[in-house]
Amino acid sequence: MSTLLKVSDLTSRYGRLTALRNASFALNEGELLFVTGPNGAGKSTLLKSISGIVVPAEGSIKFGGSQIAGRPPEDIARLGFSMVPEGRHVFGGLTIEENLRLGTGMLADESRVSSNLDNAYDLFPMLAERRHST
């Protein structure tokens, strides 16, 4: 099994405020990672740092073997990593499938888009049942 995502000693700050300190983990292909903690623990900052929204102050982020720390979000999304916003940040006027398709916006190959949608529906059957609901 190969390592898909490796975060090493990641520290991110907002100005002088350290929001994430020395986070490290490795995620292999086929594994799921669950990040939990109280408000202010750094969960969102971790995801924003990996996705390029926040530039880390220290540490390393490797995705598929490539160093991505400090790269722009659009470059990271093109590699296949993207962040899904919380429920209140989805587009309420769009169907579930339209919202999911927004997450595949960097993919030009419709067969890959369809495959990704099928995978999401396999993981979350309720989404498939409600794919045309807003």
C-alpha atoms as a PDB file:
ATOM      1  CA  MET A   1       0.000   0.000   0.000  1.00  0.00           C
ATOM      2  CA  SER A   2       1.444   3.387  -0.969  1.00  0.00           C
ATOM      3  CA  THR A   3       1.249   6.601   1.004  1.00  0.00           C
ATOM      4  CA  LEU A   4      -1.251   9.013  -0.502  1.00  0.00           C
ATOM      5  CA  LEU A   5      -0.893  11.924   1.929  1.00  0.00           C
ATOM      6  CA  LYS A   6       1.903  12.550   4.429  1.00  0.00           C
ATOM      7  CA  VAL A   7       1.878  15.507   6.799  1.00  0.00           C
ATOM      8  CA  SER A   8       5.015  16.027   8.887  1.00  0.00           C
ATOM      9  CA  ASP A   9       5.487  18.520  11.734  1.00  0.00           C
ATOM     10  CA  LEU A  10       2.960  20.930  10.196  1.00  0.00           C
ATOM     11  CA  THR A  11       2.570  24.289  11.923  1.00  0.00           C
ATOM     12  CA  SER A  12       0.222  26.984  10.604  1.00  0.00           C
ATOM     13  CA  ARG A  13      -0.399  30.466  11.917  1.00  0.00           C
ATOM     14  CA  TYR A  14      -2.782  33.347  11.470  1.00  0.00           C
ATOM     15  CA  GLY A  15      -0.490  36.293  12.102  1.00  0.00           C
ATOM     16  CA  ARG A  16       1.105  35.674  15.508  1.00  0.00           C
ATOM     17  CA  LEU A  17      -1.541  33.129  16.530  1.00  0.00           C
ATOM     18  CA  THR A  18      -0.429  29.515  16.135  1.00  0.00           C
ATOM     19  CA  ALA A  19      -3.555  27.601  15.121  1.00  0.00           C
ATOM     20  CA  LEU A  20      -1.871  24.244  14.399  1.00  0.00           C
ATOM     21  CA  ARG A  21       1.357  22.956  15.921  1.00  0.00           C
ATOM     22  CA  ASN A  22       3.477  19.997  14.775  1.00  0.00           C
ATOM     23  CA  ALA A  23       0.676  17.929  13.203  1.00  0.00           C
ATOM     24  CA  SER A  24       1.895  14.676  11.649  1.00  0.00           C
ATOM     25  CA  PHE A  25       0.157  11.698  10.043  1.00  0.00           C
ATOM     26  CA  ALA A  26       0.303   9.447   7.009  1.00  0.00           C
ATOM     27  CA  LEU A  27      -2.694   8.307   5.008  1.00  0.00           C
ATOM     28  CA  ASN A  28      -2.296   5.300   2.721  1.00  0.00           C
ATOM     29  CA  GLU A  29      -4.372   4.531  -0.349  1.00  0.00           C
ATOM     30  CA  GLY A  30      -7.688   2.932   0.632  1.00  0.00           C
ATOM     31  CA  GLU A  31      -7.631   4.302   4.170  1.00  0.00           C
ATOM     32  CA  LEU A  32      -9.968   6.842   5.737  1.00  0.00           C
ATOM     33  CA  LEU A  33      -8.841   9.510   8.162  1.00  0.00           C
ATOM     34  CA  PHE A  34     -11.140  10.944  10.804  1.00  0.00           C
ATOM     35  CA  VAL A  35     -10.092  14.274  12.316  1.00  0.00           C
ATOM     36  CA  THR A  36     -11.893  15.256  15.487  1.00  0.00           C
ATOM     37  CA  GLY A  37     -11.444  17.674  18.343  1.00  0.00           C
ATOM     38  CA  PRO A  38     -13.045  20.609  20.114  1.00  0.00           C
ATOM     39  CA  ASN A  39     -13.573  24.026  18.551  1.00  0.00           C
ATOM     40  CA  GLY A  40     -10.247  25.756  18.104  1.00  0.00           C
ATOM     41  CA  ALA A  41      -8.220  22.530  18.005  1.00  0.00           C
ATOM     42  CA  GLY A  42      -6.967  23.229  14.456  1.00  0.00           C
ATOM     43  CA  LYS A  43      -9.112  20.848  12.367  1.00  0.00           C
ATOM     44  CA  SER A  44     -10.116  23.469   9.797  1.00  0.00           C
ATOM     45  CA  THR A  45      -6.629  24.959   9.734  1.00  0.00           C
ATOM     46  CA  LEU A  46      -5.197  21.497   9.028  1.00  0.00           C
ATOM     47  CA  LEU A  47      -7.497  21.035   6.029  1.00  0.00           C
ATOM     48  CA  LYS A  48      -6.973  24.597   4.815  1.00  0.00           C
ATOM     49  CA  SER A  49      -3.205  24.096   5.045  1.00  0.00           C
ATOM     50  CA  ILE A  50      -3.314  20.847   3.065  1.00  0.00           C
ATOM     51  CA  SER A  51      -5.590  22.356   0.415  1.00  0.00           C
ATOM     52  CA  GLY A  52      -3.414  25.472   0.047  1.00  0.00           C
ATOM     53  CA  ILE A  53      -5.808  28.033   1.483  1.00  0.00           C
ATOM     54  CA  VAL A  54      -3.447  28.636   4.413  1.00  0.00           C
ATOM     55  CA  VAL A  55       0.320  28.656   3.802  1.00  0.00           C
ATOM     56  CA  PRO A  56       2.033  26.590   6.512  1.00  0.00           C
ATOM     57  CA  ALA A  57       4.687  28.284   8.638  1.00  0.00           C
ATOM     58  CA  GLU A  58       6.635  25.031   9.076  1.00  0.00           C
ATOM     59  CA  GLY A  59       6.524  21.400   8.099  1.00  0.00           C
ATOM     60  CA  SER A  60       5.924  19.263   5.075  1.00  0.00           C
ATOM     61  CA  ILE A  61       2.839  18.113   3.158  1.00  0.00           C
ATOM     62  CA  LYS A  62       3.278  15.447   0.504  1.00  0.00           C
ATOM     63  CA  PHE A  63       0.390  14.355  -1.693  1.00  0.00           C
ATOM     64  CA  GLY A  64       1.063  11.430  -4.000  1.00  0.00           C
ATOM     65  CA  GLY A  65       4.785  11.868  -3.285  1.00  0.00           C
ATOM     66  CA  SER A  66       4.861  15.544  -4.352  1.00  0.00           C
ATOM     67  CA  GLN A  67       5.578  18.368  -1.922  1.00  0.00           C
ATOM     68  CA  ILE A  68       2.480  20.604  -1.922  1.00  0.00           C
ATOM     69  CA  ALA A  69       3.031  22.828   1.129  1.00  0.00           C
ATOM     70  CA  GLY A  70       2.784  26.449   0.016  1.00  0.00           C
ATOM     71  CA  ARG A  71       1.437  25.689  -3.463  1.00  0.00           C
ATOM     72  CA  PRO A  72      -1.680  27.561  -4.624  1.00  0.00           C
ATOM     73  CA  PRO A  73      -5.055  25.856  -4.009  1.00  0.00           C
ATOM     74  CA  GLU A  74      -5.766  25.506  -7.723  1.00  0.00           C
ATOM     75  CA  ASP A  75      -2.513  23.557  -8.245  1.00  0.00           C
ATOM     76  CA  ILE A  76      -3.358  21.248  -5.339  1.00  0.00           C
ATOM     77  CA  ALA A  77      -6.891  20.708  -6.652  1.00  0.00           C
ATOM     78  CA  ARG A  78      -5.472  19.735 -10.057  1.00  0.00           C
ATOM     79  CA  LEU A  79      -3.482  17.005  -8.284  1.00  0.00           C
ATOM     80  CA  GLY A  80      -6.773  15.589  -6.990  1.00  0.00           C
ATOM     81  CA  PHE A  81      -7.025  16.994  -3.465  1.00  0.00           C
ATOM     82  CA  SER A  82      -9.900  19.297  -2.641  1.00  0.00           C
ATOM     83  CA  MET A  83     -11.773  20.398   0.442  1.00  0.00           C
ATOM     84  CA  VAL A  84     -15.518  19.901   0.761  1.00  0.00           C
ATOM     85  CA  PRO A  85     -17.143  22.756   2.716  1.00  0.00           C
ATOM     86  CA  GLU A  86     -19.488  22.238   5.641  1.00  0.00           C
ATOM     87  CA  GLY A  87     -23.188  21.736   4.909  1.00  0.00           C
ATOM     88  CA  ARG A  88     -24.033  25.381   5.325  1.00  0.00           C
ATOM     89  CA  HIS A  89     -21.545  26.299   2.616  1.00  0.00           C
ATOM     90  CA  VAL A  90     -22.958  24.195  -0.217  1.00  0.00           C
ATOM     91  CA  PHE A  91     -25.068  25.824  -2.907  1.00  0.00           C
ATOM     92  CA  GLY A  92     -28.671  25.358  -1.751  1.00  0.00           C
ATOM     93  CA  GLY A  93     -30.213  26.135  -5.122  1.00  0.00           C
ATOM     94  CA  LEU A  94     -28.345  23.282  -6.807  1.00  0.00           C
ATOM     95  CA  THR A  95     -29.167  19.593  -6.655  1.00  0.00           C
ATOM     96  CA  ILE A  96     -26.965  17.204  -4.715  1.00  0.00           C
ATOM     97  CA  GLU A  97     -25.474  15.955  -7.969  1.00  0.00           C
ATOM     98  CA  GLU A  98     -24.777  19.489  -9.192  1.00  0.00           C
ATOM     99  CA  ASN A  99     -23.001  20.234  -5.904  1.00  0.00           C
ATOM    100  CA  LEU A 100     -20.923  17.058  -6.258  1.00  0.00           C
ATOM    101  CA  ARG A 101     -20.080  17.937  -9.865  1.00  0.00           C
ATOM    102  CA  LEU A 102     -18.714  21.288  -8.678  1.00  0.00           C
ATOM    103  CA  GLY A 103     -16.131  19.295  -6.754  1.00  0.00           C
ATOM    104  CA  THR A 104     -14.978  17.667  -9.987  1.00  0.00           C
ATOM    105  CA  GLY A 105     -14.568  20.981 -11.803  1.00  0.00           C
ATOM    106  CA  MET A 106     -10.870  20.411 -12.461  1.00  0.00           C
ATOM    107  CA  LEU A 107     -11.530  17.126 -14.276  1.00  0.00           C
ATOM    108  CA  ALA A 108     -11.954  17.404 -18.036  1.00  0.00           C
ATOM    109  CA  ASP A 109     -12.607  13.691 -18.544  1.00  0.00           C
ATOM    110  CA  GLU A 110     -16.353  12.985 -18.150  1.00  0.00           C
ATOM    111  CA  SER A 111     -15.672   9.287 -17.509  1.00  0.00           C
ATOM    112  CA  ARG A 112     -13.543  10.245 -14.470  1.00  0.00           C
ATOM    113  CA  VAL A 113     -16.294  12.584 -13.291  1.00  0.00           C
ATOM    114  CA  SER A 114     -18.860   9.780 -13.600  1.00  0.00           C
ATOM    115  CA  SER A 115     -16.548   7.344 -11.834  1.00  0.00           C
ATOM    116  CA  ASN A 116     -16.019   9.812  -8.964  1.00  0.00           C
ATOM    117  CA  LEU A 117     -19.773  10.365  -8.651  1.00  0.00           C
ATOM    118  CA  ASP A 118     -20.375   6.601  -8.621  1.00  0.00           C
ATOM    119  CA  ASN A 119     -17.776   6.220  -5.850  1.00  0.00           C
ATOM    120  CA  ALA A 120     -19.456   8.946  -3.786  1.00  0.00           C
ATOM    121  CA  TYR A 121     -22.852   7.304  -4.267  1.00  0.00           C
ATOM    122  CA  ASP A 122     -21.408   3.907  -3.271  1.00  0.00           C
ATOM    123  CA  LEU A 123     -19.988   5.397  -0.074  1.00  0.00           C
ATOM    124  CA  PHE A 124     -23.129   7.423   0.686  1.00  0.00           C
ATOM    125  CA  PRO A 125     -26.179   5.633  -0.792  1.00  0.00           C
ATOM    126  CA  MET A 126     -28.545   8.298   0.562  1.00  0.00           C
ATOM    127  CA  LEU A 127     -26.895  10.827  -1.771  1.00  0.00           C
ATOM    128  CA  ALA A 128     -27.688   8.577  -4.725  1.00  0.00           C
ATOM    129  CA  GLU A 129     -31.328   8.349  -3.661  1.00  0.00           C
ATOM    130  CA  ARG A 130     -31.525  12.147  -3.397  1.00  0.00           C
ATOM    131  CA  ARG A 131     -29.203  13.127  -6.245  1.00  0.00           C
ATOM    132  CA  HIS A 132     -31.903  15.264  -7.905  1.00  0.00           C
ATOM    133  CA  SER A 133     -32.991  16.975  -4.668  1.00  0.00           C
ATOM    134  CA  THR A 134     -31.953  20.498  -3.743  1.00  0.00           C
END
